[in-house]
Amino acid sequence: MTGESQAIVWKKQNLRELPKFRDGTSYLYLEHSTLEQDGRSIQAFHPEGMVTIPCASLGVLLLGPGTSVSHSAMKALSDTGCSVLWVGEQGVRLYASGLGESRKSERLMRQARLWASPRSRERVVRQMYTMRFPEGLPGNLTLQQIRGREGARVRDLYARYSQAHGVKWQERKYNRGNWDAASPINKAISSGTACLYGLAHAAILSCGYSPALGFVHTGKQLSFVYDVADLYKMEVVMPVAFQEAARGGDEIDRRVRLALRDHMKQLRLLERMANDLLTLLDDRHDDDPEDDDVGELWDPEGNVQGGINHDRDDP
């Protein structure tokens, strides 16, 4: 790292200076590495050597299996606004997260407002269903009619993938308590779907939204994760699941995870999810406000300025 780039590791960054999660080079995945602070840089030690982490220009750091990170390295990552996610291999599962990309709550509050109003919630639900139909949906359909068309679309796609890969398809059926009893194709779909949930969860957190406030799904801590994953499930997971089921053999769930890892990476699905989220919730793609903004104080007559002494306002 140059002296100039080292310097910005140690000051609280203006979020406008930092790359966004949706940017093409804004995330880095590491596995089987140890992260240490060294002087004014973050270094990753791997059995094959050491690399310097450009955390000051990094949006998201994905820590895969076999990684460990020191306290001082975590502080430096936090100071630069870099999100840290503990994930499965190649990010296909999400286990825990640090700070998200946004340090403001504006996106979360907007999501909550859209979710709380039946009218705006239905608008988002219709938009999410429309995203699944490339040919679009008539605007006069009821939600029940839309759900019916979605069921027909899914059934048709299962039949197409079955025919294309020569894999017999009967029904989506699995038992969490008896994994071995599931058919190979159902195991493949379950394994792939779990990977997609991890990626959707990472995108939601990094954009500053809540995974619990789902629009189509409701009542679960990951309702919004299920919403977002459903936008891509048939397009992304099914081809890989049927392909691996057609190959036969053992460890189909592991083979699906590895194949899907490469497929999602090739599709740059993380960036696509982030952009779709911002568009879906009608959010501005602008940069976050200044990091030193102290925020406002809520008042029923309208928010008032925060960070000042209001004692003189008392008549």
C-alpha atoms as a PDB file:
ATOM      1  CA  MET A   1       0.000   0.000   0.000  1.00  0.00           C
ATOM      2  CA  THR A   2       1.173   3.527  -0.626  1.00  0.00           C
ATOM      3  CA  GLY A   3       1.580   6.009   2.183  1.00  0.00           C
ATOM      4  CA  GLU A   4      -1.496   7.897   1.030  1.00  0.00           C
ATOM      5  CA  SER A   5      -3.697   4.778   0.989  1.00  0.00           C
ATOM      6  CA  GLN A   6      -2.375   3.744   4.405  1.00  0.00           C
ATOM      7  CA  ALA A   7      -3.411   7.091   5.830  1.00  0.00           C
ATOM      8  CA  ILE A   8      -7.073   6.723   4.961  1.00  0.00           C
ATOM      9  CA  VAL A   9      -7.268   3.466   6.931  1.00  0.00           C
ATOM     10  CA  TRP A  10      -6.977   5.448  10.131  1.00  0.00           C
ATOM     11  CA  LYS A  11      -9.540   8.149   9.708  1.00  0.00           C
ATOM     12  CA  LYS A  12     -13.303   7.861   9.736  1.00  0.00           C
ATOM     13  CA  GLN A  13     -14.168   7.814   6.068  1.00  0.00           C
ATOM     14  CA  ASN A  14     -16.720   9.963   4.352  1.00  0.00           C
ATOM     15  CA  LEU A  15     -19.085   7.296   3.012  1.00  0.00           C
ATOM     16  CA  ARG A  16     -19.256   9.206  -0.274  1.00  0.00           C
ATOM     17  CA  GLU A  17     -15.617   8.267  -0.806  1.00  0.00           C
ATOM     18  CA  LEU A  18     -16.240   4.545  -0.355  1.00  0.00           C
ATOM     19  CA  PRO A  19     -17.266   2.115  -3.087  1.00  0.00           C
ATOM     20  CA  LYS A  20     -20.804   0.765  -2.995  1.00  0.00           C
ATOM     21  CA  PHE A  21     -21.789  -2.862  -2.463  1.00  0.00           C
ATOM     22  CA  ARG A  22     -23.323  -2.922  -5.929  1.00  0.00           C
ATOM     23  CA  ASP A  23     -20.047  -1.851  -7.567  1.00  0.00           C
ATOM     24  CA  GLY A  24     -18.324  -4.545  -9.597  1.00  0.00           C
ATOM     25  CA  THR A  25     -15.139  -4.659  -7.500  1.00  0.00           C
ATOM     26  CA  SER A  26     -16.604  -3.848  -4.120  1.00  0.00           C
ATOM     27  CA  TYR A  27     -16.345  -7.225  -2.400  1.00  0.00           C
ATOM     28  CA  LEU A  28     -13.589  -9.697  -1.591  1.00  0.00           C
ATOM     29  CA  TYR A  29     -13.892 -13.324  -0.499  1.00  0.00           C
ATOM     30  CA  LEU A  30     -11.207 -14.992   1.658  1.00  0.00           C
ATOM     31  CA  GLU A  31     -10.901 -18.485   3.109  1.00  0.00           C
ATOM     32  CA  HIS A  32      -8.266 -20.354   5.116  1.00  0.00           C
ATOM     33  CA  SER A  33      -6.534 -17.077   5.968  1.00  0.00           C
ATOM     34  CA  THR A  34      -5.599 -15.103   9.053  1.00  0.00           C
ATOM     35  CA  LEU A  35      -6.174 -11.342   9.023  1.00  0.00           C
ATOM     36  CA  GLU A  36      -3.855  -9.156  11.024  1.00  0.00           C
ATOM     37  CA  GLN A  37      -3.265  -5.477  11.394  1.00  0.00           C
ATOM     38  CA  ASP A  38       0.290  -4.675  10.423  1.00  0.00           C
ATOM     39  CA  GLY A  39       1.323  -1.069  10.878  1.00  0.00           C
ATOM     40  CA  ARG A  40      -1.317   0.842   8.997  1.00  0.00           C
ATOM     41  CA  SER A  41      -2.544  -1.934   6.761  1.00  0.00           C
ATOM     42  CA  ILE A  42      -4.565  -5.158   6.921  1.00  0.00           C
ATOM     43  CA  GLN A  43      -2.811  -8.258   5.759  1.00  0.00           C
ATOM     44  CA  ALA A  44      -4.175 -11.728   5.020  1.00  0.00           C
ATOM     45  CA  PHE A  45      -1.833 -14.628   5.685  1.00  0.00           C
ATOM     46  CA  HIS A  46      -2.559 -17.737   3.611  1.00  0.00           C
ATOM     47  CA  PRO A  47      -0.550 -20.982   3.369  1.00  0.00           C
ATOM     48  CA  GLU A  48       0.498 -19.831  -0.101  1.00  0.00           C
ATOM     49  CA  GLY A  49       1.620 -16.378   0.992  1.00  0.00           C
ATOM     50  CA  MET A  50       0.528 -12.964   2.251  1.00  0.00           C
ATOM     51  CA  VAL A  51      -1.611 -10.328   0.531  1.00  0.00           C
ATOM     52  CA  THR A  52      -2.490  -6.797   1.568  1.00  0.00           C
ATOM     53  CA  ILE A  53      -6.212  -6.085   1.849  1.00  0.00           C
ATOM     54  CA  PRO A  54      -7.341  -2.768   0.319  1.00  0.00           C
ATOM     55  CA  CYS A  55      -9.959  -2.325   3.043  1.00  0.00           C
ATOM     56  CA  ALA A  56     -10.160   1.447   2.538  1.00  0.00           C
ATOM     57  CA  SER A  57     -11.606   0.858  -0.945  1.00  0.00           C
ATOM     58  CA  LEU A  58     -13.532  -2.303  -0.171  1.00  0.00           C
ATOM     59  CA  GLY A  59     -17.294  -2.427   0.304  1.00  0.00           C
ATOM     60  CA  VAL A  60     -17.768  -5.959   1.681  1.00  0.00           C
ATOM     61  CA  LEU A  61     -15.310  -8.542   2.996  1.00  0.00           C
ATOM     62  CA  LEU A  62     -16.635 -12.113   2.953  1.00  0.00           C
ATOM     63  CA  LEU A  63     -14.838 -14.374   5.442  1.00  0.00           C
ATOM     64  CA  GLY A  64     -15.159 -17.997   4.403  1.00  0.00           C
ATOM     65  CA  PRO A  65     -14.189 -21.259   6.133  1.00  0.00           C
ATOM     66  CA  GLY A  66     -10.870 -21.349   7.956  1.00  0.00           C
ATOM     67  CA  THR A  67     -10.518 -17.598   8.464  1.00  0.00           C
ATOM     68  CA  SER A  68      -9.676 -15.737  11.658  1.00  0.00           C
ATOM     69  CA  VAL A  69      -9.369 -12.013  12.200  1.00  0.00           C
ATOM     70  CA  SER A  70      -7.695 -10.030  14.975  1.00  0.00           C
ATOM     71  CA  HIS A  71      -9.464  -7.388  17.065  1.00  0.00           C
ATOM     72  CA  SER A  72      -7.287  -4.587  15.676  1.00  0.00           C
ATOM     73  CA  ALA A  73      -7.922  -5.706  12.109  1.00  0.00           C
ATOM     74  CA  MET A  74     -11.682  -5.652  12.736  1.00  0.00           C
ATOM     75  CA  LYS A  75     -11.417  -2.113  14.111  1.00  0.00           C
ATOM     76  CA  ALA A  76      -9.585  -0.926  11.001  1.00  0.00           C
ATOM     77  CA  LEU A  77     -12.185  -2.581   8.764  1.00  0.00           C
ATOM     78  CA  SER A  78     -14.965  -0.902  10.730  1.00  0.00           C
ATOM     79  CA  ASP A  79     -13.280   2.500  10.602  1.00  0.00           C
ATOM     80  CA  THR A  80     -13.168   2.376   6.812  1.00  0.00           C
ATOM     81  CA  GLY A  81     -16.854   1.410   6.523  1.00  0.00           C
ATOM     82  CA  CYS A  82     -16.104  -2.074   5.184  1.00  0.00           C
ATOM     83  CA  SER A  83     -18.902  -4.579   5.896  1.00  0.00           C
ATOM     84  CA  VAL A  84     -17.702  -7.929   7.227  1.00  0.00           C
ATOM     85  CA  LEU A  85     -19.770 -11.071   6.676  1.00  0.00           C
ATOM     86  CA  TRP A  86     -18.972 -14.566   7.972  1.00  0.00           C
ATOM     87  CA  VAL A  87     -20.101 -16.913   5.240  1.00  0.00           C
ATOM     88  CA  GLY A  88     -19.908 -20.450   3.905  1.00  0.00           C
ATOM     89  CA  GLU A  89     -17.691 -21.461   1.025  1.00  0.00           C
ATOM     90  CA  GLN A  90     -17.699 -18.740  -1.656  1.00  0.00           C
ATOM     91  CA  GLY A  91     -20.407 -16.892   0.231  1.00  0.00           C
ATOM     92  CA  VAL A  92     -23.137 -19.472  -0.315  1.00  0.00           C
ATOM     93  CA  ARG A  93     -24.273 -19.293   3.333  1.00  0.00           C
ATOM     94  CA  LEU A  94     -24.365 -16.315   5.692  1.00  0.00           C
ATOM     95  CA  TYR A  95     -23.705 -17.042   9.373  1.00  0.00           C
ATOM     96  CA  ALA A  96     -23.131 -13.602  10.911  1.00  0.00           C
ATOM     97  CA  SER A  97     -22.496 -10.014   9.938  1.00  0.00           C
ATOM     98  CA  GLY A  98     -20.790  -6.869  11.142  1.00  0.00           C
ATOM     99  CA  LEU A  99     -21.729  -3.350  10.081  1.00  0.00           C
ATOM    100  CA  GLY A 100     -23.695  -2.978   6.880  1.00  0.00           C
ATOM    101  CA  GLU A 101     -22.681  -0.660   4.079  1.00  0.00           C
ATOM    102  CA  SER A 102     -25.042   2.049   5.162  1.00  0.00           C
ATOM    103  CA  ARG A 103     -24.574   3.697   8.544  1.00  0.00           C
ATOM    104  CA  LYS A 104     -27.857   5.497   8.218  1.00  0.00           C
ATOM    105  CA  SER A 105     -31.280   4.088   8.920  1.00  0.00           C
ATOM    106  CA  GLU A 106     -33.039   5.806   6.005  1.00  0.00           C
ATOM    107  CA  ARG A 107     -33.337   2.652   3.896  1.00  0.00           C
ATOM    108  CA  LEU A 108     -34.616   0.608   6.835  1.00  0.00           C
ATOM    109  CA  MET A 109     -37.204   3.275   7.668  1.00  0.00           C
ATOM    110  CA  ARG A 110     -38.297   3.457   4.031  1.00  0.00           C
ATOM    111  CA  GLN A 111     -38.673  -0.322   3.917  1.00  0.00           C
ATOM    112  CA  ALA A 112     -40.746  -0.179   7.117  1.00  0.00           C
ATOM    113  CA  ARG A 113     -43.019   2.561   5.705  1.00  0.00           C
ATOM    114  CA  LEU A 114     -43.583   0.584   2.484  1.00  0.00           C
ATOM    115  CA  TRP A 115     -44.245  -2.567   4.515  1.00  0.00           C
ATOM    116  CA  ALA A 116     -46.644  -0.935   6.994  1.00  0.00           C
ATOM    117  CA  SER A 117     -49.009   0.560   4.401  1.00  0.00           C
ATOM    118  CA  PRO A 118     -51.292  -2.035   2.708  1.00  0.00           C
ATOM    119  CA  ARG A 119     -51.359   0.039  -0.474  1.00  0.00           C
ATOM    120  CA  SER A 120     -47.574   0.442  -0.826  1.00  0.00           C
ATOM    121  CA  ARG A 121     -46.964  -3.129   0.328  1.00  0.00           C
ATOM    122  CA  GLU A 122     -49.249  -4.445  -2.406  1.00  0.00           C
ATOM    123  CA  ARG A 123     -47.426  -2.275  -4.949  1.00  0.00           C
ATOM    124  CA  VAL A 124     -44.107  -3.855  -3.965  1.00  0.00           C
ATOM    125  CA  VAL A 125     -45.627  -7.352  -4.010  1.00  0.00           C
ATOM    126  CA  ARG A 126     -46.977  -6.805  -7.531  1.00  0.00           C
ATOM    127  CA  GLN A 127     -43.615  -5.454  -8.657  1.00  0.00           C
ATOM    128  CA  MET A 128     -41.815  -8.495  -7.245  1.00  0.00           C
ATOM    129  CA  TYR A 129     -44.154 -10.869  -9.068  1.00  0.00           C
ATOM    130  CA  THR A 130     -43.767  -8.839 -12.279  1.00  0.00           C
ATOM    131  CA  MET A 131     -39.984  -9.254 -12.074  1.00  0.00           C
ATOM    132  CA  ARG A 132     -40.479 -13.021 -12.373  1.00  0.00           C
ATOM    133  CA  PHE A 133     -42.423 -12.696 -15.636  1.00  0.00           C
ATOM    134  CA  PRO A 134     -40.249 -11.347 -18.501  1.00  0.00           C
ATOM    135  CA  GLU A 135     -43.392 -10.816 -20.593  1.00  0.00           C
ATOM    136  CA  GLY A 136     -44.992  -8.758 -17.816  1.00  0.00           C
ATOM    137  CA  LEU A 137     -48.324  -9.151 -16.005  1.00  0.00           C
ATOM    138  CA  PRO A 138     -51.682  -7.501 -16.771  1.00  0.00           C
ATOM    139  CA  GLY A 139     -52.372  -4.750 -14.253  1.00  0.00           C
ATOM    140  CA  ASN A 140     -55.946  -5.828 -13.571  1.00  0.00           C
ATOM    141  CA  LEU A 141     -55.122  -9.209 -12.001  1.00  0.00           C
ATOM    142  CA  THR A 142     -55.951  -9.836  -8.356  1.00  0.00           C
ATOM    143  CA  LEU A 143     -53.191 -11.122  -6.081  1.00  0.00           C
ATOM    144  CA  GLN A 144     -54.888 -14.503  -6.031  1.00  0.00           C
ATOM    145  CA  GLN A 145     -54.802 -14.610  -9.835  1.00  0.00           C
ATOM    146  CA  ILE A 146     -51.135 -13.564  -9.816  1.00  0.00           C
ATOM    147  CA  ARG A 147     -50.275 -16.331  -7.354  1.00  0.00           C
ATOM    148  CA  GLY A 148     -52.075 -18.765  -9.636  1.00  0.00           C
ATOM    149  CA  ARG A 149     -50.009 -17.655 -12.630  1.00  0.00           C
ATOM    150  CA  GLU A 150     -46.844 -17.938 -10.542  1.00  0.00           C
ATOM    151  CA  GLY A 151     -47.761 -21.520  -9.645  1.00  0.00           C
ATOM    152  CA  ALA A 152     -48.283 -22.343 -13.322  1.00  0.00           C
ATOM    153  CA  ARG A 153     -44.977 -20.690 -14.241  1.00  0.00           C
ATOM    154  CA  VAL A 154     -43.076 -22.712 -11.663  1.00  0.00           C
ATOM    155  CA  ARG A 155     -44.763 -25.975 -12.705  1.00  0.00           C
ATOM    156  CA  ASP A 156     -43.930 -25.274 -16.358  1.00  0.00           C
ATOM    157  CA  LEU A 157     -40.278 -24.534 -15.574  1.00  0.00           C
ATOM    158  CA  TYR A 158     -39.917 -27.740 -13.537  1.00  0.00           C
ATOM    159  CA  ALA A 159     -41.238 -29.665 -16.542  1.00  0.00           C
ATOM    160  CA  ARG A 160     -38.864 -27.896 -18.943  1.00  0.00           C
ATOM    161  CA  TYR A 161     -35.776 -28.511 -16.795  1.00  0.00           C
ATOM    162  CA  SER A 162     -36.840 -32.128 -16.302  1.00  0.00           C
ATOM    163  CA  GLN A 163     -37.100 -32.671 -20.052  1.00  0.00           C
ATOM    164  CA  ALA A 164     -33.891 -30.768 -20.842  1.00  0.00           C
ATOM    165  CA  HIS A 165     -31.766 -32.764 -18.388  1.00  0.00           C
ATOM    166  CA  GLY A 166     -33.556 -36.106 -18.512  1.00  0.00           C
ATOM    167  CA  VAL A 167     -34.352 -36.037 -14.809  1.00  0.00           C
ATOM    168  CA  LYS A 168     -37.715 -37.442 -13.746  1.00  0.00           C
ATOM    169  CA  TRP A 169     -39.719 -34.852 -11.834  1.00  0.00           C
ATOM    170  CA  GLN A 170     -42.683 -35.656  -9.613  1.00  0.00           C
ATOM    171  CA  GLU A 171     -43.064 -33.052  -6.885  1.00  0.00           C
ATOM    172  CA  ARG A 172     -41.198 -30.731  -4.552  1.00  0.00           C
ATOM    173  CA  LYS A 173     -40.971 -32.844  -1.409  1.00  0.00           C
ATOM    174  CA  TYR A 174     -38.451 -33.078   1.401  1.00  0.00           C
ATOM    175  CA  ASN A 175     -38.364 -33.749   5.140  1.00  0.00           C
ATOM    176  CA  ARG A 176     -35.884 -31.767   7.230  1.00  0.00           C
ATOM    177  CA  GLY A 177     -35.870 -34.540   9.802  1.00  0.00           C
ATOM    178  CA  ASN A 178     -35.121 -37.238   7.246  1.00  0.00           C
ATOM    179  CA  TRP A 179     -32.778 -35.749   4.653  1.00  0.00           C
ATOM    180  CA  ASP A 180     -31.718 -39.132   3.254  1.00  0.00           C
ATOM    181  CA  ALA A 181     -35.284 -39.972   2.281  1.00  0.00           C
ATOM    182  CA  ALA A 182     -35.460 -37.106  -0.229  1.00  0.00           C
ATOM    183  CA  SER A 183     -34.934 -37.776  -3.929  1.00  0.00           C
ATOM    184  CA  PRO A 184     -31.631 -36.570  -5.473  1.00  0.00           C
ATOM    185  CA  ILE A 185     -33.310 -33.727  -7.352  1.00  0.00           C
ATOM    186  CA  ASN A 186     -35.110 -32.543  -4.202  1.00  0.00           C
ATOM    187  CA  LYS A 187     -31.822 -32.648  -2.277  1.00  0.00           C
ATOM    188  CA  ALA A 188     -30.179 -30.647  -5.055  1.00  0.00           C
ATOM    189  CA  ILE A 189     -32.909 -28.002  -5.033  1.00  0.00           C
ATOM    190  CA  SER A 190     -32.851 -27.701  -1.226  1.00  0.00           C
ATOM    191  CA  SER A 191     -29.071 -27.354  -1.137  1.00  0.00           C
ATOM    192  CA  GLY A 192     -29.064 -24.757  -3.919  1.00  0.00           C
ATOM    193  CA  THR A 193     -31.893 -22.764  -2.375  1.00  0.00           C
ATOM    194  CA  ALA A 194     -30.022 -22.556   0.946  1.00  0.00           C
ATOM    195  CA  CYS A 195     -27.047 -21.077  -0.915  1.00  0.00           C
ATOM    196  CA  LEU A 196     -29.260 -18.501  -2.609  1.00  0.00           C
ATOM    197  CA  TYR A 197     -30.751 -17.518   0.763  1.00  0.00           C
ATOM    198  CA  GLY A 198     -27.237 -16.796   2.033  1.00  0.00           C
ATOM    199  CA  LEU A 199     -26.464 -14.507  -0.861  1.00  0.00           C
ATOM    200  CA  ALA A 200     -29.802 -12.685  -0.605  1.00  0.00           C
ATOM    201  CA  HIS A 201     -29.291 -12.245   3.144  1.00  0.00           C
ATOM    202  CA  ALA A 202     -25.858 -10.682   2.553  1.00  0.00           C
ATOM    203  CA  ALA A 203     -27.240  -8.279  -0.065  1.00  0.00           C
ATOM    204  CA  ILE A 204     -30.124  -7.176   2.184  1.00  0.00           C
ATOM    205  CA  LEU A 205     -27.872  -6.491   5.186  1.00  0.00           C
ATOM    206  CA  SER A 206     -25.237  -4.725   3.147  1.00  0.00           C
ATOM    207  CA  CYS A 207     -27.831  -2.387   1.661  1.00  0.00           C
ATOM    208  CA  GLY A 208     -29.169  -1.482   5.105  1.00  0.00           C
ATOM    209  CA  TYR A 209     -32.534  -3.264   4.951  1.00  0.00           C
ATOM    210  CA  SER A 210     -34.192  -5.676   7.404  1.00  0.00           C
ATOM    211  CA  PRO A 211     -34.352  -9.389   6.507  1.00  0.00           C
ATOM    212  CA  ALA A 212     -37.512  -9.734   8.626  1.00  0.00           C
ATOM    213  CA  LEU A 213     -39.798  -7.234   6.861  1.00  0.00           C
ATOM    214  CA  GLY A 214     -40.924  -9.320   3.933  1.00  0.00           C
ATOM    215  CA  PHE A 215     -43.566  -8.171   1.472  1.00  0.00           C
ATOM    216  CA  VAL A 216     -44.715 -11.437  -0.132  1.00  0.00           C
ATOM    217  CA  HIS A 217     -43.655 -13.607   2.801  1.00  0.00           C
ATOM    218  CA  THR A 218     -44.492 -12.603   6.345  1.00  0.00           C
ATOM    219  CA  GLY A 219     -44.084 -13.683   9.946  1.00  0.00           C
ATOM    220  CA  LYS A 220     -40.544 -15.076   9.757  1.00  0.00           C
ATOM    221  CA  GLN A 221     -37.213 -13.541  10.735  1.00  0.00           C
ATOM    222  CA  LEU A 222     -36.000 -14.095   7.154  1.00  0.00           C
ATOM    223  CA  SER A 223     -39.216 -13.223   5.303  1.00  0.00           C
ATOM    224  CA  PHE A 224     -37.529 -10.602   3.097  1.00  0.00           C
ATOM    225  CA  VAL A 225     -34.699 -13.052   2.340  1.00  0.00           C
ATOM    226  CA  TYR A 226     -37.286 -15.487   0.967  1.00  0.00           C
ATOM    227  CA  ASP A 227     -38.856 -12.659  -1.069  1.00  0.00           C
ATOM    228  CA  VAL A 228     -35.562 -11.683  -2.701  1.00  0.00           C
ATOM    229  CA  ALA A 229     -34.368 -15.250  -3.281  1.00  0.00           C
ATOM    230  CA  ASP A 230     -37.615 -16.107  -5.074  1.00  0.00           C
ATOM    231  CA  LEU A 231     -36.794 -13.473  -7.703  1.00  0.00           C
ATOM    232  CA  TYR A 232     -33.850 -15.572  -8.900  1.00  0.00           C
ATOM    233  CA  LYS A 233     -34.538 -19.136  -7.721  1.00  0.00           C
ATOM    234  CA  MET A 234     -35.957 -20.600 -10.930  1.00  0.00           C
ATOM    235  CA  GLU A 235     -33.405 -18.839 -13.112  1.00  0.00           C
ATOM    236  CA  VAL A 236     -30.282 -19.470 -11.018  1.00  0.00           C
ATOM    237  CA  VAL A 237     -30.766 -22.556  -8.833  1.00  0.00           C
ATOM    238  CA  MET A 238     -32.843 -24.892 -11.016  1.00  0.00           C
ATOM    239  CA  PRO A 239     -30.443 -25.275 -13.979  1.00  0.00           C
ATOM    240  CA  VAL A 240     -27.618 -26.218 -11.607  1.00  0.00           C
ATOM    241  CA  ALA A 241     -29.777 -28.538  -9.490  1.00  0.00           C
ATOM    242  CA  PHE A 242     -31.129 -30.483 -12.493  1.00  0.00           C
ATOM    243  CA  GLN A 243     -27.686 -30.596 -14.097  1.00  0.00           C
ATOM    244  CA  GLU A 244     -26.123 -32.180 -11.015  1.00  0.00           C
ATOM    245  CA  ALA A 245     -29.066 -34.534 -10.516  1.00  0.00           C
ATOM    246  CA  ALA A 246     -28.612 -35.727 -14.095  1.00  0.00           C
ATOM    247  CA  ARG A 247     -24.975 -36.602 -13.381  1.00  0.00           C
ATOM    248  CA  GLY A 248     -25.952 -39.006 -10.593  1.00  0.00           C
ATOM    249  CA  GLY A 249     -23.446 -40.147  -7.987  1.00  0.00           C
ATOM    250  CA  ASP A 250     -22.948 -39.276  -4.340  1.00  0.00           C
ATOM    251  CA  GLU A 251     -22.676 -35.982  -2.440  1.00  0.00           C
ATOM    252  CA  ILE A 252     -25.150 -34.204  -4.656  1.00  0.00           C
ATOM    253  CA  ASP A 253     -25.740 -31.475  -2.077  1.00  0.00           C
ATOM    254  CA  ARG A 254     -22.011 -30.657  -1.966  1.00  0.00           C
ATOM    255  CA  ARG A 255     -21.688 -30.737  -5.742  1.00  0.00           C
ATOM    256  CA  VAL A 256     -24.631 -28.338  -6.090  1.00  0.00           C
ATOM    257  CA  ARG A 257     -23.068 -25.906  -3.600  1.00  0.00           C
ATOM    258  CA  LEU A 258     -19.789 -25.851  -5.510  1.00  0.00           C
ATOM    259  CA  ALA A 259     -21.409 -25.557  -8.941  1.00  0.00           C
ATOM    260  CA  LEU A 260     -23.794 -22.862  -7.753  1.00  0.00           C
ATOM    261  CA  ARG A 261     -20.929 -20.970  -6.142  1.00  0.00           C
ATOM    262  CA  ASP A 262     -19.226 -20.669  -9.524  1.00  0.00           C
ATOM    263  CA  HIS A 263     -22.499 -19.965 -11.348  1.00  0.00           C
ATOM    264  CA  MET A 264     -23.492 -17.103  -9.033  1.00  0.00           C
ATOM    265  CA  LYS A 265     -20.009 -15.654  -9.217  1.00  0.00           C
ATOM    266  CA  GLN A 266     -20.110 -15.730 -13.019  1.00  0.00           C
ATOM    267  CA  LEU A 267     -23.526 -14.053 -13.032  1.00  0.00           C
ATOM    268  CA  ARG A 268     -22.269 -11.340 -10.637  1.00  0.00           C
ATOM    269  CA  LEU A 269     -25.468 -12.014  -8.734  1.00  0.00           C
ATOM    270  CA  LEU A 270     -24.498  -9.990  -5.662  1.00  0.00           C
ATOM    271  CA  GLU A 271     -24.334  -6.753  -7.625  1.00  0.00           C
ATOM    272  CA  ARG A 272     -27.548  -7.562  -9.474  1.00  0.00           C
ATOM    273  CA  MET A 273     -29.357  -8.221  -6.188  1.00  0.00           C
ATOM    274  CA  ALA A 274     -28.190  -4.930  -4.692  1.00  0.00           C
ATOM    275  CA  ASN A 275     -29.325  -2.909  -7.711  1.00  0.00           C
ATOM    276  CA  ASP A 276     -32.658  -4.741  -7.858  1.00  0.00           C
ATOM    277  CA  LEU A 277     -33.237  -4.080  -4.137  1.00  0.00           C
ATOM    278  CA  LEU A 278     -32.705  -0.353  -4.508  1.00  0.00           C
ATOM    279  CA  THR A 279     -34.977  -0.224  -7.554  1.00  0.00           C
ATOM    280  CA  LEU A 280     -37.637  -2.411  -5.944  1.00  0.00           C
ATOM    281  CA  LEU A 281     -37.938  -0.254  -2.841  1.00  0.00           C
ATOM    282  CA  ASP A 282     -37.851   2.898  -4.935  1.00  0.00           C
ATOM    283  CA  ASP A 283     -34.743   4.053  -3.168  1.00  0.00           C
ATOM    284  CA  ARG A 284     -32.291   6.555  -4.536  1.00  0.00           C
ATOM    285  CA  HIS A 285     -29.060   5.119  -5.870  1.00  0.00           C
ATOM    286  CA  ASP A 286     -27.300   8.149  -4.427  1.00  0.00           C
ATOM    287  CA  ASP A 287     -24.411   7.898  -2.043  1.00  0.00           C
ATOM    288  CA  ASP A 288     -25.059   7.791   1.684  1.00  0.00           C
ATOM    289  CA  PRO A 289     -25.170  11.077   3.573  1.00  0.00           C
ATOM    290  CA  GLU A 290     -22.114  12.383   5.337  1.00  0.00           C
ATOM    291  CA  ASP A 291     -20.867   9.999   8.017  1.00  0.00           C
ATOM    292  CA  ASP A 292     -20.476  12.814  10.565  1.00  0.00           C
ATOM    293  CA  ASP A 293     -24.169  13.665  10.274  1.00  0.00           C
ATOM    294  CA  VAL A 294     -25.489  13.260  13.845  1.00  0.00           C
ATOM    295  CA  GLY A 295     -29.047  12.672  12.681  1.00  0.00           C
ATOM    296  CA  GLU A 296     -32.300  14.283  13.758  1.00  0.00           C
ATOM    297  CA  LEU A 297     -34.633  14.015  16.758  1.00  0.00           C
ATOM    298  CA  TRP A 298     -38.129  12.719  16.133  1.00  0.00           C
ATOM    299  CA  ASP A 299     -41.015  15.056  16.847  1.00  0.00           C
ATOM    300  CA  PRO A 300     -44.723  14.522  16.039  1.00  0.00           C
ATOM    301  CA  GLU A 301     -44.717  17.873  14.248  1.00  0.00           C
ATOM    302  CA  GLY A 302     -41.639  17.005  12.218  1.00  0.00           C
ATOM    303  CA  ASN A 303     -38.058  16.037  12.995  1.00  0.00           C
ATOM    304  CA  VAL A 304     -35.811  18.630  14.602  1.00  0.00           C
ATOM    305  CA  GLN A 305     -32.085  19.090  14.462  1.00  0.00           C
ATOM    306  CA  GLY A 306     -29.995  16.740  16.573  1.00  0.00           C
ATOM    307  CA  GLY A 307     -26.615  17.326  18.150  1.00  0.00           C
ATOM    308  CA  ILE A 308     -27.510  20.697  19.658  1.00  0.00           C
ATOM    309  CA  ASN A 309     -28.753  21.834  23.076  1.00  0.00           C
ATOM    310  CA  HIS A 310     -32.521  22.434  22.937  1.00  0.00           C
ATOM    311  CA  ASP A 311     -32.746  23.909  26.428  1.00  0.00           C
ATOM    312  CA  ARG A 312     -33.368  27.402  25.018  1.00  0.00           C
ATOM    313  CA  ASP A 313     -36.437  26.090  23.146  1.00  0.00           C
ATOM    314  CA  ASP A 314     -38.347  25.678  26.441  1.00  0.00           C
ATOM    315  CA  PRO A 315     -40.477  28.865  26.840  1.00  0.00           C
END
